[in-house]
């Protein structure tokens, strides 16, 4: 089982298109949560997927108000 550490990943805000950095905690596994854009303050839905076998972490975002 892989060991997980906090990761910082760049993503593009689906509202203002600015690149922002999200701090991710993959230790709890897959997660879906809302975080505000650090630039335009709009709510972004964050989808965190963790492959428990390889430790690979993927993140996708979409606008909450779509």
PDB file of N, CA and C in Angstrom:
ATOM      1  N   UNK A   1       0.862  -1.183   0.000  1.00  0.00           N
ATOM      2  CA  UNK A   1       0.000   0.000   0.000  1.00  0.00           C
ATOM      3  C   UNK A   1       0.904   1.241   0.000  1.00  0.00           C
ATOM      4  N   UNK A   2       0.670   2.152  -0.918  1.00  0.00           N
ATOM      5  CA  UNK A   2       1.503   3.352  -1.011  1.00  0.00           C
ATOM      6  C   UNK A   2       1.293   4.300   0.170  1.00  0.00           C
ATOM      7  N   UNK A   3       2.317   5.077   0.441  1.00  0.00           N
ATOM      8  CA  UNK A   3       2.232   6.110   1.473  1.00  0.00           C
ATOM      9  C   UNK A   3       1.845   7.426   0.797  1.00  0.00           C
ATOM     10  N   UNK A   4       0.882   8.120   1.367  1.00  0.00           N
ATOM     11  CA  UNK A   4       0.396   9.356   0.759  1.00  0.00           C
ATOM     12  C   UNK A   4       0.901  10.572   1.516  1.00  0.00           C
ATOM     13  N   UNK A   5       1.250  11.594   0.771  1.00  0.00           N
ATOM     14  CA  UNK A   5       1.637  12.876   1.339  1.00  0.00           C
ATOM     15  C   UNK A   5       0.768  13.950   0.697  1.00  0.00           C
ATOM     16  N   UNK A   6       0.671  15.089   1.348  1.00  0.00           N
ATOM     17  CA  UNK A   6      -0.058  16.214   0.762  1.00  0.00           C
ATOM     18  C   UNK A   6       0.590  16.585  -0.564  1.00  0.00           C
ATOM     19  N   UNK A   7      -0.240  16.910  -1.531  1.00  0.00           N
ATOM     20  CA  UNK A   7       0.247  17.314  -2.846  1.00  0.00           C
ATOM     21  C   UNK A   7      -0.343  18.661  -3.211  1.00  0.00           C
ATOM     22  N   UNK A   8       0.427  19.459  -3.927  1.00  0.00           N
ATOM     23  CA  UNK A   8      -0.067  20.716  -4.473  1.00  0.00           C
ATOM     24  C   UNK A   8      -0.148  20.530  -5.975  1.00  0.00           C
ATOM     25  N   UNK A   9      -1.340  20.744  -6.531  1.00  0.00           N
ATOM     26  CA  UNK A   9      -1.551  20.567  -7.960  1.00  0.00           C
ATOM     27  C   UNK A   9      -2.123  21.824  -8.575  1.00  0.00           C
ATOM     28  N   UNK A  10      -1.614  22.208  -9.734  1.00  0.00           N
ATOM     29  CA  UNK A  10      -2.212  23.340 -10.447  1.00  0.00           C
ATOM     30  C   UNK A  10      -3.453  22.872 -11.207  1.00  0.00           C
ATOM     31  N   UNK A  11      -4.501  23.680 -11.172  1.00  0.00           N
ATOM     32  CA  UNK A  11      -5.717  23.431 -11.957  1.00  0.00           C
ATOM     33  C   UNK A  11      -6.166  24.757 -12.542  1.00  0.00           C
ATOM     34  N   UNK A  12      -6.997  24.694 -13.549  1.00  0.00           N
ATOM     35  CA  UNK A  12      -7.518  25.911 -14.161  1.00  0.00           C
ATOM     36  C   UNK A  12      -8.940  26.139 -13.676  1.00  0.00           C
ATOM     37  N   UNK A  13      -9.178  27.332 -13.157  1.00  0.00           N
ATOM     38  CA  UNK A  13     -10.518  27.685 -12.684  1.00  0.00           C
ATOM     39  C   UNK A  13     -11.490  27.654 -13.858  1.00  0.00           C
ATOM     40  N   UNK A  14     -12.625  26.977 -13.705  1.00  0.00           N
ATOM     41  CA  UNK A  14     -13.599  26.918 -14.792  1.00  0.00           C
ATOM     42  C   UNK A  14     -14.428  28.196 -14.955  1.00  0.00           C
ATOM     43  N   UNK A  15     -14.199  29.189 -14.111  1.00  0.00           N
ATOM     44  CA  UNK A  15     -14.898  30.468 -14.223  1.00  0.00           C
ATOM     45  C   UNK A  15     -14.001  31.541 -14.839  1.00  0.00           C
ATOM     46  N   UNK A  16     -12.853  31.794 -14.196  1.00  0.00           N
ATOM     47  CA  UNK A  16     -11.996  32.903 -14.634  1.00  0.00           C
ATOM     48  C   UNK A  16     -10.802  32.420 -15.470  1.00  0.00           C
ATOM     49  N   UNK A  17     -10.631  31.118 -15.575  1.00  0.00           N
ATOM     50  CA  UNK A  17      -9.584  30.479 -16.386  1.00  0.00           C
ATOM     51  C   UNK A  17      -8.173  30.705 -15.865  1.00  0.00           C
ATOM     52  N   UNK A  18      -8.038  31.277 -14.681  1.00  0.00           N
ATOM     53  CA  UNK A  18      -6.714  31.445 -14.075  1.00  0.00           C
ATOM     54  C   UNK A  18      -6.237  30.100 -13.522  1.00  0.00           C
ATOM     55  N   UNK A  19      -4.934  29.916 -13.532  1.00  0.00           N
ATOM     56  CA  UNK A  19      -4.371  28.719 -12.917  1.00  0.00           C
ATOM     57  C   UNK A  19      -4.241  28.965 -11.422  1.00  0.00           C
ATOM     58  N   UNK A  20      -4.787  28.037 -10.650  1.00  0.00           N
ATOM     59  CA  UNK A  20      -4.690  28.111  -9.194  1.00  0.00           C
ATOM     60  C   UNK A  20      -4.087  26.805  -8.696  1.00  0.00           C
ATOM     61  N   UNK A  21      -3.578  26.829  -7.488  1.00  0.00           N
ATOM     62  CA  UNK A  21      -3.014  25.625  -6.899  1.00  0.00           C
ATOM     63  C   UNK A  21      -3.932  25.119  -5.800  1.00  0.00           C
ATOM     64  N   UNK A  22      -4.199  23.815  -5.837  1.00  0.00           N
ATOM     65  CA  UNK A  22      -4.998  23.168  -4.809  1.00  0.00           C
ATOM     66  C   UNK A  22      -4.100  22.277  -3.979  1.00  0.00           C
ATOM     67  N   UNK A  23      -4.287  22.291  -2.680  1.00  0.00           N
ATOM     68  CA  UNK A  23      -3.573  21.384  -1.799  1.00  0.00           C
ATOM     69  C   UNK A  23      -4.464  20.162  -1.598  1.00  0.00           C
ATOM     70  N   UNK A  24      -3.948  18.995  -1.968  1.00  0.00           N
ATOM     71  CA  UNK A  24      -4.727  17.762  -1.954  1.00  0.00           C
ATOM     72  C   UNK A  24      -4.206  16.818  -0.882  1.00  0.00           C
ATOM     73  N   UNK A  25      -5.137  16.146  -0.217  1.00  0.00           N
ATOM     74  CA  UNK A  25      -4.783  15.133   0.783  1.00  0.00           C
ATOM     75  C   UNK A  25      -5.356  13.792   0.322  1.00  0.00           C
ATOM     76  N   UNK A  26      -4.549  12.983  -0.358  1.00  0.00           N
ATOM     77  CA  UNK A  26      -5.045  11.715  -0.880  1.00  0.00           C
ATOM     78  C   UNK A  26      -5.120  10.595   0.159  1.00  0.00           C
ATOM     79  N   UNK A  27      -4.753  10.848   1.406  1.00  0.00           N
ATOM     80  CA  UNK A  27      -4.686   9.797   2.414  1.00  0.00           C
ATOM     81  C   UNK A  27      -6.044   9.155   2.716  1.00  0.00           C
ATOM     82  N   UNK A  28      -7.135   9.867   2.517  1.00  0.00           N
ATOM     83  CA  UNK A  28      -8.477   9.334   2.788  1.00  0.00           C
ATOM     84  C   UNK A  28      -9.106   8.676   1.568  1.00  0.00           C
ATOM     85  N   UNK A  29      -8.411   8.663   0.442  1.00  0.00           N
ATOM     86  CA  UNK A  29      -8.956   8.052  -0.767  1.00  0.00           C
ATOM     87  C   UNK A  29      -9.750   9.045  -1.591  1.00  0.00           C
ATOM     88  N   UNK A  30     -10.640   8.505  -2.415  1.00  0.00           N
ATOM     89  CA  UNK A  30     -11.441   9.337  -3.319  1.00  0.00           C
ATOM     90  C   UNK A  30     -12.284  10.340  -2.533  1.00  0.00           C
ATOM     91  N   UNK A  31     -12.445  11.526  -3.103  1.00  0.00           N
ATOM     92  CA  UNK A  31     -13.235  12.561  -2.427  1.00  0.00           C
ATOM     93  C   UNK A  31     -13.813  13.515  -3.459  1.00  0.00           C
ATOM     94  N   UNK A  32     -14.949  14.095  -3.109  1.00  0.00           N
ATOM     95  CA  UNK A  32     -15.563  15.164  -3.885  1.00  0.00           C
ATOM     96  C   UNK A  32     -15.909  16.268  -2.894  1.00  0.00           C
ATOM     97  N   UNK A  33     -15.450  17.479  -3.199  1.00  0.00           N
ATOM     98  CA  UNK A  33     -15.715  18.591  -2.291  1.00  0.00           C
ATOM     99  C   UNK A  33     -15.707  19.895  -3.075  1.00  0.00           C
ATOM    100  N   UNK A  34     -16.153  20.964  -2.439  1.00  0.00           N
ATOM    101  CA  UNK A  34     -16.207  22.277  -3.068  1.00  0.00           C
ATOM    102  C   UNK A  34     -15.167  23.181  -2.426  1.00  0.00           C
ATOM    103  N   UNK A  35     -14.446  23.904  -3.279  1.00  0.00           N
ATOM    104  CA  UNK A  35     -13.435  24.861  -2.819  1.00  0.00           C
ATOM    105  C   UNK A  35     -13.584  26.119  -3.664  1.00  0.00           C
ATOM    106  N   UNK A  36     -13.445  27.270  -3.045  1.00  0.00           N
ATOM    107  CA  UNK A  36     -13.546  28.536  -3.774  1.00  0.00           C
ATOM    108  C   UNK A  36     -12.255  28.820  -4.524  1.00  0.00           C
ATOM    109  N   UNK A  37     -12.390  29.391  -5.728  1.00  0.00           N
ATOM    110  CA  UNK A  37     -11.236  29.832  -6.495  1.00  0.00           C
ATOM    111  C   UNK A  37     -10.534  30.935  -5.703  1.00  0.00           C
ATOM    112  N   UNK A  38      -9.213  30.889  -5.651  1.00  0.00           N
ATOM    113  CA  UNK A  38      -8.440  31.876  -4.911  1.00  0.00           C
ATOM    114  C   UNK A  38      -8.382  33.220  -5.638  1.00  0.00           C
ATOM    115  N   UNK A  39      -8.798  33.248  -6.916  1.00  0.00           N
ATOM    116  CA  UNK A  39      -8.755  34.476  -7.706  1.00  0.00           C
ATOM    117  C   UNK A  39     -10.127  35.136  -7.764  1.00  0.00           C
ATOM    118  N   UNK A  40     -11.140  34.378  -8.224  1.00  0.00           N
ATOM    119  CA  UNK A  40     -12.460  34.983  -8.445  1.00  0.00           C
ATOM    120  C   UNK A  40     -13.506  34.608  -7.385  1.00  0.00           C
ATOM    121  N   UNK A  41     -13.149  33.739  -6.455  1.00  0.00           N
ATOM    122  CA  UNK A  41     -14.005  33.339  -5.323  1.00  0.00           C
ATOM    123  C   UNK A  41     -15.238  32.527  -5.717  1.00  0.00           C
ATOM    124  N   UNK A  42     -15.302  32.039  -6.938  1.00  0.00           N
ATOM    125  CA  UNK A  42     -16.428  31.203  -7.353  1.00  0.00           C
ATOM    126  C   UNK A  42     -16.231  29.770  -6.831  1.00  0.00           C
ATOM    127  N   UNK A  43     -17.334  29.045  -6.542  1.00  0.00           N
ATOM    128  CA  UNK A  43     -17.222  27.692  -6.007  1.00  0.00           C
ATOM    129  C   UNK A  43     -16.885  26.663  -7.097  1.00  0.00           C
ATOM    130  N   UNK A  44     -15.854  25.889  -6.839  1.00  0.00           N
ATOM    131  CA  UNK A  44     -15.383  24.869  -7.779  1.00  0.00           C
ATOM    132  C   UNK A  44     -15.569  23.503  -7.130  1.00  0.00           C
ATOM    133  N   UNK A  45     -16.162  22.558  -7.865  1.00  0.00           N
ATOM    134  CA  UNK A  45     -16.269  21.189  -7.388  1.00  0.00           C
ATOM    135  C   UNK A  45     -14.971  20.472  -7.754  1.00  0.00           C
ATOM    136  N   UNK A  46     -14.342  19.880  -6.746  1.00  0.00           N
ATOM    137  CA  UNK A  46     -13.080  19.167  -6.923  1.00  0.00           C
ATOM    138  C   UNK A  46     -13.352  17.672  -6.798  1.00  0.00           C
ATOM    139  N   UNK A  47     -12.907  16.919  -7.805  1.00  0.00           N
ATOM    140  CA  UNK A  47     -13.021  15.463  -7.795  1.00  0.00           C
ATOM    141  C   UNK A  47     -11.620  14.888  -7.637  1.00  0.00           C
ATOM    142  N   UNK A  48     -11.367  14.249  -6.517  1.00  0.00           N
ATOM    143  CA  UNK A  48     -10.070  13.655  -6.234  1.00  0.00           C
ATOM    144  C   UNK A  48     -10.217  12.138  -6.332  1.00  0.00           C
ATOM    145  N   UNK A  49      -9.387  11.525  -7.178  1.00  0.00           N
ATOM    146  CA  UNK A  49      -9.401  10.072  -7.325  1.00  0.00           C
ATOM    147  C   UNK A  49      -8.019   9.536  -7.000  1.00  0.00           C
ATOM    148  N   UNK A  50      -7.990   8.501  -6.172  1.00  0.00           N
ATOM    149  CA  UNK A  50      -6.725   7.917  -5.726  1.00  0.00           C
ATOM    150  C   UNK A  50      -6.720   6.437  -6.066  1.00  0.00           C
ATOM    151  N   UNK A  51      -5.721   5.994  -6.801  1.00  0.00           N
ATOM    152  CA  UNK A  51      -5.541   4.573  -7.090  1.00  0.00           C
ATOM    153  C   UNK A  51      -4.785   3.975  -5.911  1.00  0.00           C
ATOM    154  N   UNK A  52      -5.456   3.161  -5.124  1.00  0.00           N
ATOM    155  CA  UNK A  52      -4.858   2.632  -3.902  1.00  0.00           C
ATOM    156  C   UNK A  52      -3.714   1.664  -4.180  1.00  0.00           C
ATOM    157  N   UNK A  53      -3.671   1.066  -5.357  1.00  0.00           N
ATOM    158  CA  UNK A  53      -2.597   0.126  -5.689  1.00  0.00           C
ATOM    159  C   UNK A  53      -1.313   0.852  -6.074  1.00  0.00           C
ATOM    160  N   UNK A  54      -1.432   1.900  -6.874  1.00  0.00           N
ATOM    161  CA  UNK A  54      -0.246   2.582  -7.390  1.00  0.00           C
ATOM    162  C   UNK A  54       0.060   3.891  -6.669  1.00  0.00           C
ATOM    163  N   UNK A  55      -0.936   4.441  -5.971  1.00  0.00           N
ATOM    164  CA  UNK A  55      -0.750   5.729  -5.319  1.00  0.00           C
ATOM    165  C   UNK A  55      -0.964   6.909  -6.246  1.00  0.00           C
ATOM    166  N   UNK A  56      -1.344   6.633  -7.493  1.00  0.00           N
ATOM    167  CA  UNK A  56      -1.567   7.714  -8.452  1.00  0.00           C
ATOM    168  C   UNK A  56      -2.766   8.558  -8.043  1.00  0.00           C
ATOM    169  N   UNK A  57      -2.587   9.873  -8.113  1.00  0.00           N
ATOM    170  CA  UNK A  57      -3.626  10.812  -7.726  1.00  0.00           C
ATOM    171  C   UNK A  57      -4.046  11.606  -8.955  1.00  0.00           C
ATOM    172  N   UNK A  58      -5.356  11.674  -9.197  1.00  0.00           N
ATOM    173  CA  UNK A  58      -5.901  12.475 -10.291  1.00  0.00           C
ATOM    174  C   UNK A  58      -6.881  13.474  -9.706  1.00  0.00           C
ATOM    175  N   UNK A  59      -6.911  14.648 -10.302  1.00  0.00           N
ATOM    176  CA  UNK A  59      -7.833  15.678  -9.840  1.00  0.00           C
ATOM    177  C   UNK A  59      -8.491  16.323 -11.055  1.00  0.00           C
ATOM    178  N   UNK A  60      -9.794  16.527 -10.968  1.00  0.00           N
ATOM    179  CA  UNK A  60     -10.575  17.240 -11.984  1.00  0.00           C
ATOM    180  C   UNK A  60     -11.410  18.276 -11.259  1.00  0.00           C
ATOM    181  N   UNK A  61     -11.730  19.354 -11.968  1.00  0.00           N
ATOM    182  CA  UNK A  61     -12.583  20.395 -11.392  1.00  0.00           C
ATOM    183  C   UNK A  61     -13.667  20.772 -12.386  1.00  0.00           C
ATOM    184  N   UNK A  62     -14.768  21.263 -11.848  1.00  0.00           N
ATOM    185  CA  UNK A  62     -15.847  21.793 -12.691  1.00  0.00           C
ATOM    186  C   UNK A  62     -16.578  22.875 -11.913  1.00  0.00           C
ATOM    187  N   UNK A  63     -17.278  23.740 -12.614  1.00  0.00           N
ATOM    188  CA  UNK A  63     -18.005  24.804 -11.912  1.00  0.00           C
ATOM    189  C   UNK A  63     -19.161  24.224 -11.101  1.00  0.00           C
ATOM    190  N   UNK A  64     -19.369  24.727  -9.908  1.00  0.00           N
ATOM    191  CA  UNK A  64     -20.500  24.278  -9.100  1.00  0.00           C
ATOM    192  C   UNK A  64     -21.798  24.851  -9.666  1.00  0.00           C
ATOM    193  N   UNK A  65     -21.736  26.054 -10.195  1.00  0.00           N
ATOM    194  CA  UNK A  65     -22.919  26.746 -10.708  1.00  0.00           C
ATOM    195  C   UNK A  65     -23.013  26.605 -12.213  1.00  0.00           C
ATOM    196  N   UNK A  66     -23.107  25.369 -12.683  1.00  0.00           N
ATOM    197  CA  UNK A  66     -23.162  25.183 -14.147  1.00  0.00           C
ATOM    198  C   UNK A  66     -24.560  25.038 -14.658  1.00  0.00           C
TER     199      UNK A  66
END
